[in-house]
Amino acid sequence: QPSTIALVLDQQNVVGDRVALPIVATDPEAGTVRYSTDWGNIGETLPAGLAIDPLTGLVTGIVVPDALNLSPYTVIVTVIDDHGLQTSIAFTWTIEPQAQVTDVPATVVPTDIVPEGTQEVTLTEIAPTTTPEMSEVTPEATAQVEAR
């Protein structure tokens, strides 16, 4: 009897993502299985930068910019048991470019400055609002205060 492979949902990653995706197969005769994503004349079906461990089925790596060239991928995983019986599954793997973050200057307005001789200053930072494309932007500001 051929091995069975657990369902793998379609995947989506961004260039630069670190990937660790387990592919799980079970041999009904409790034998060992080997994993492959290289389909002979078709070639490697994983996105560039990723590889599958033939003994464990773990797909790992870092998605590289070249992976954008052929996205979306139809990944075909083939499992071969000790008796040469094969089972394959396919899923789609989409690679997206990294979001472009542009430098947008923030305006810092000093407020509530206390009289001379102390070093307390309250700064109010007016930063640009984020958009879905810039949802992870973290504005940073640095201020130097010199008391005289």
C-alpha atoms as a PDB file:
ATOM      1  CA  GLN A   1       0.000   0.000   0.000  1.00  0.00           C
ATOM      2  CA  PRO A   2       1.296   3.501  -0.786  1.00  0.00           C
ATOM      3  CA  SER A   3       1.950   6.069   1.916  1.00  0.00           C
ATOM      4  CA  THR A   4      -0.512   8.809   2.775  1.00  0.00           C
ATOM      5  CA  ILE A   5       0.402  12.490   2.940  1.00  0.00           C
ATOM      6  CA  ALA A   6      -1.359  14.915   5.277  1.00  0.00           C
ATOM      7  CA  LEU A   7      -3.157  17.804   3.592  1.00  0.00           C
ATOM      8  CA  VAL A   8      -0.988  20.864   2.955  1.00  0.00           C
ATOM      9  CA  LEU A   9      -2.877  24.137   2.622  1.00  0.00           C
ATOM     10  CA  ASP A  10      -1.890  26.681  -0.015  1.00  0.00           C
ATOM     11  CA  GLN A  11       1.007  28.830   1.181  1.00  0.00           C
ATOM     12  CA  GLN A  12       1.812  32.522   0.822  1.00  0.00           C
ATOM     13  CA  ASN A  13       5.071  34.226   1.741  1.00  0.00           C
ATOM     14  CA  VAL A  14       6.973  37.446   1.153  1.00  0.00           C
ATOM     15  CA  VAL A  15      10.528  37.711  -0.165  1.00  0.00           C
ATOM     16  CA  GLY A  16      12.836  37.481   2.858  1.00  0.00           C
ATOM     17  CA  ASP A  17      10.518  35.246   4.935  1.00  0.00           C
ATOM     18  CA  ARG A  18      12.079  32.348   6.835  1.00  0.00           C
ATOM     19  CA  VAL A  19      10.108  29.186   6.115  1.00  0.00           C
ATOM     20  CA  ALA A  20       9.673  25.977   8.114  1.00  0.00           C
ATOM     21  CA  LEU A  21       6.806  23.907   6.676  1.00  0.00           C
ATOM     22  CA  PRO A  22       6.493  20.265   7.751  1.00  0.00           C
ATOM     23  CA  ILE A  23       5.168  17.786   5.181  1.00  0.00           C
ATOM     24  CA  VAL A  24       3.900  14.704   7.019  1.00  0.00           C
ATOM     25  CA  ALA A  25       3.579  11.281   5.399  1.00  0.00           C
ATOM     26  CA  THR A  26       2.684   7.931   6.932  1.00  0.00           C
ATOM     27  CA  ASP A  27       3.552   4.504   5.542  1.00  0.00           C
ATOM     28  CA  PRO A  28       0.855   1.909   6.402  1.00  0.00           C
ATOM     29  CA  GLU A  29       3.544  -0.788   6.728  1.00  0.00           C
ATOM     30  CA  ALA A  30       5.475   1.442   9.182  1.00  0.00           C
ATOM     31  CA  GLY A  31       8.388   1.682   6.757  1.00  0.00           C
ATOM     32  CA  THR A  32      10.510   4.706   6.048  1.00  0.00           C
ATOM     33  CA  VAL A  33       9.614   7.250   3.410  1.00  0.00           C
ATOM     34  CA  ARG A  34      11.632   9.720   1.346  1.00  0.00           C
ATOM     35  CA  TYR A  35      10.344  13.123   0.248  1.00  0.00           C
ATOM     36  CA  SER A  36      11.001  14.949  -3.018  1.00  0.00           C
ATOM     37  CA  THR A  37       9.819  18.119  -4.735  1.00  0.00           C
ATOM     38  CA  ASP A  38      11.909  17.594  -7.869  1.00  0.00           C
ATOM     39  CA  TRP A  39       9.794  16.221 -10.686  1.00  0.00           C
ATOM     40  CA  GLY A  40      12.333  14.984 -13.235  1.00  0.00           C
ATOM     41  CA  ASN A  41      11.703  16.834 -16.496  1.00  0.00           C
ATOM     42  CA  ILE A  42       9.660  19.562 -14.744  1.00  0.00           C
ATOM     43  CA  GLY A  43      12.450  20.288 -12.269  1.00  0.00           C
ATOM     44  CA  GLU A  44      12.238  21.722  -8.772  1.00  0.00           C
ATOM     45  CA  THR A  45       8.735  22.873  -7.847  1.00  0.00           C
ATOM     46  CA  LEU A  46       9.590  24.812  -4.659  1.00  0.00           C
ATOM     47  CA  PRO A  47      10.098  28.593  -4.658  1.00  0.00           C
ATOM     48  CA  ALA A  48      13.729  29.713  -4.969  1.00  0.00           C
ATOM     49  CA  GLY A  49      15.582  29.639  -1.647  1.00  0.00           C
ATOM     50  CA  LEU A  50      13.582  26.717  -0.220  1.00  0.00           C
ATOM     51  CA  ALA A  51      14.455  23.010  -0.026  1.00  0.00           C
ATOM     52  CA  ILE A  52      12.861  19.885   1.390  1.00  0.00           C
ATOM     53  CA  ASP A  53      14.726  17.507   3.689  1.00  0.00           C
ATOM     54  CA  PRO A  54      14.343  14.120   1.943  1.00  0.00           C
ATOM     55  CA  LEU A  55      14.310  12.245   5.272  1.00  0.00           C
ATOM     56  CA  THR A  56      12.019  14.443   7.402  1.00  0.00           C
ATOM     57  CA  GLY A  57       9.843  16.265   4.864  1.00  0.00           C
ATOM     58  CA  LEU A  58      10.586  19.647   6.445  1.00  0.00           C
ATOM     59  CA  VAL A  59      10.657  22.476   3.898  1.00  0.00           C
ATOM     60  CA  THR A  60      13.021  25.212   5.082  1.00  0.00           C
ATOM     61  CA  GLY A  61      14.916  28.206   3.812  1.00  0.00           C
ATOM     62  CA  ILE A  62      14.607  31.917   3.148  1.00  0.00           C
ATOM     63  CA  VAL A  63      12.492  33.109   0.224  1.00  0.00           C
ATOM     64  CA  VAL A  64      14.844  34.923  -2.182  1.00  0.00           C
ATOM     65  CA  PRO A  65      13.913  37.645  -4.721  1.00  0.00           C
ATOM     66  CA  ASP A  66      14.275  35.182  -7.639  1.00  0.00           C
ATOM     67  CA  ALA A  67      11.236  33.345  -6.238  1.00  0.00           C
ATOM     68  CA  LEU A  68       9.032  36.139  -7.602  1.00  0.00           C
ATOM     69  CA  ASN A  69       9.857  35.139 -11.194  1.00  0.00           C
ATOM     70  CA  LEU A  70       7.706  31.993 -11.273  1.00  0.00           C
ATOM     71  CA  SER A  71       5.089  32.779  -8.618  1.00  0.00           C
ATOM     72  CA  PRO A  72       2.603  31.284  -8.041  1.00  0.00           C
ATOM     73  CA  TYR A  73       4.176  27.822  -7.834  1.00  0.00           C
ATOM     74  CA  THR A  74       2.410  24.503  -8.110  1.00  0.00           C
ATOM     75  CA  VAL A  75       4.440  22.539  -5.574  1.00  0.00           C
ATOM     76  CA  ILE A  76       4.343  18.781  -6.036  1.00  0.00           C
ATOM     77  CA  VAL A  77       5.555  16.689  -3.107  1.00  0.00           C
ATOM     78  CA  THR A  78       6.226  13.027  -3.831  1.00  0.00           C
ATOM     79  CA  VAL A  79       6.708  10.445  -1.101  1.00  0.00           C
ATOM     80  CA  ILE A  80       8.352   7.102  -1.913  1.00  0.00           C
ATOM     81  CA  ASP A  81       8.244   4.207   0.558  1.00  0.00           C
ATOM     82  CA  ASP A  82      10.641   1.265   1.070  1.00  0.00           C
ATOM     83  CA  HIS A  83       8.820  -0.748  -1.626  1.00  0.00           C
ATOM     84  CA  GLY A  84       9.047   1.995  -4.257  1.00  0.00           C
ATOM     85  CA  LEU A  85       5.381   2.946  -4.010  1.00  0.00           C
ATOM     86  CA  GLN A  86       4.782   6.646  -4.647  1.00  0.00           C
ATOM     87  CA  THR A  87       2.164   9.132  -3.523  1.00  0.00           C
ATOM     88  CA  SER A  88       2.053  12.792  -4.486  1.00  0.00           C
ATOM     89  CA  ILE A  89       0.162  15.891  -3.435  1.00  0.00           C
ATOM     90  CA  ALA A  90       0.115  19.364  -4.916  1.00  0.00           C
ATOM     91  CA  PHE A  91      -0.528  22.801  -3.444  1.00  0.00           C
ATOM     92  CA  THR A  92      -0.049  26.391  -4.543  1.00  0.00           C
ATOM     93  CA  TRP A  93       2.686  28.589  -3.096  1.00  0.00           C
ATOM     94  CA  THR A  94       2.451  32.317  -3.836  1.00  0.00           C
ATOM     95  CA  ILE A  95       5.399  34.653  -3.312  1.00  0.00           C
ATOM     96  CA  GLU A  96       4.855  38.403  -2.932  1.00  0.00           C
ATOM     97  CA  PRO A  97       7.435  41.216  -2.955  1.00  0.00           C
ATOM     98  CA  GLN A  98       8.381  42.927   0.281  1.00  0.00           C
ATOM     99  CA  ALA A  99       6.332  46.023   1.016  1.00  0.00           C
ATOM    100  CA  GLN A 100       8.211  49.154   0.034  1.00  0.00           C
ATOM    101  CA  VAL A 101       8.630  51.522   2.963  1.00  0.00           C
ATOM    102  CA  THR A 102       9.515  55.051   2.054  1.00  0.00           C
ATOM    103  CA  ASP A 103      11.076  57.478   4.480  1.00  0.00           C
ATOM    104  CA  VAL A 104       8.471  60.025   5.485  1.00  0.00           C
ATOM    105  CA  PRO A 105       9.817  62.730   7.763  1.00  0.00           C
ATOM    106  CA  ALA A 106       8.122  63.178  11.106  1.00  0.00           C
ATOM    107  CA  THR A 107       7.691  66.568  12.711  1.00  0.00           C
ATOM    108  CA  VAL A 108       8.668  66.935  16.360  1.00  0.00           C
ATOM    109  CA  VAL A 109       7.155  69.871  18.217  1.00  0.00           C
ATOM    110  CA  PRO A 110       8.536  70.765  21.683  1.00  0.00           C
ATOM    111  CA  THR A 111       5.773  71.563  24.168  1.00  0.00           C
ATOM    112  CA  ASP A 112       5.583  72.283  27.871  1.00  0.00           C
ATOM    113  CA  ILE A 113       9.196  73.406  28.227  1.00  0.00           C
ATOM    114  CA  VAL A 114       9.773  74.259  31.883  1.00  0.00           C
ATOM    115  CA  PRO A 115      11.843  77.220  33.119  1.00  0.00           C
ATOM    116  CA  GLU A 116      15.616  77.429  32.772  1.00  0.00           C
ATOM    117  CA  GLY A 117      17.730  75.246  35.038  1.00  0.00           C
ATOM    118  CA  THR A 118      15.792  72.017  34.640  1.00  0.00           C
ATOM    119  CA  GLN A 119      16.197  69.338  32.039  1.00  0.00           C
ATOM    120  CA  GLU A 120      12.597  68.261  31.573  1.00  0.00           C
ATOM    121  CA  VAL A 121      11.188  68.558  28.100  1.00  0.00           C
ATOM    122  CA  THR A 122       8.021  66.979  26.749  1.00  0.00           C
ATOM    123  CA  LEU A 123       8.109  66.233  23.043  1.00  0.00           C
ATOM    124  CA  THR A 124       5.054  65.631  20.930  1.00  0.00           C
ATOM    125  CA  GLU A 125       5.761  63.593  17.830  1.00  0.00           C
ATOM    126  CA  ILE A 126       3.551  64.137  14.830  1.00  0.00           C
ATOM    127  CA  ALA A 127       4.135  61.079  12.660  1.00  0.00           C
ATOM    128  CA  PRO A 128       2.551  60.095   9.385  1.00  0.00           C
ATOM    129  CA  THR A 129      -0.332  57.676   9.680  1.00  0.00           C
ATOM    130  CA  THR A 130       0.249  54.135   8.512  1.00  0.00           C
ATOM    131  CA  THR A 131      -1.501  52.599   5.537  1.00  0.00           C
ATOM    132  CA  PRO A 132      -2.120  48.904   4.791  1.00  0.00           C
ATOM    133  CA  GLU A 133       1.101  48.955   2.783  1.00  0.00           C
ATOM    134  CA  MET A 134       2.967  50.515   5.722  1.00  0.00           C
ATOM    135  CA  SER A 135       1.214  48.723   8.592  1.00  0.00           C
ATOM    136  CA  GLU A 136       4.452  47.872  10.373  1.00  0.00           C
ATOM    137  CA  VAL A 137       6.120  51.283  10.225  1.00  0.00           C
ATOM    138  CA  THR A 138       7.393  52.322  13.647  1.00  0.00           C
ATOM    139  CA  PRO A 139       8.196  56.021  13.808  1.00  0.00           C
ATOM    140  CA  GLU A 140      11.308  56.866  15.796  1.00  0.00           C
ATOM    141  CA  ALA A 141      12.510  60.210  17.043  1.00  0.00           C
ATOM    142  CA  THR A 142      15.654  61.364  18.822  1.00  0.00           C
ATOM    143  CA  ALA A 143      15.931  64.628  20.702  1.00  0.00           C
ATOM    144  CA  GLN A 144      18.889  66.207  22.452  1.00  0.00           C
ATOM    145  CA  VAL A 145      18.260  68.715  25.206  1.00  0.00           C
ATOM    146  CA  GLU A 146      20.989  70.919  26.557  1.00  0.00           C
ATOM    147  CA  ALA A 147      20.327  72.761  29.811  1.00  0.00           C
ATOM    148  CA  ARG A 148      22.062  76.119  30.307  1.00  0.00           C
END
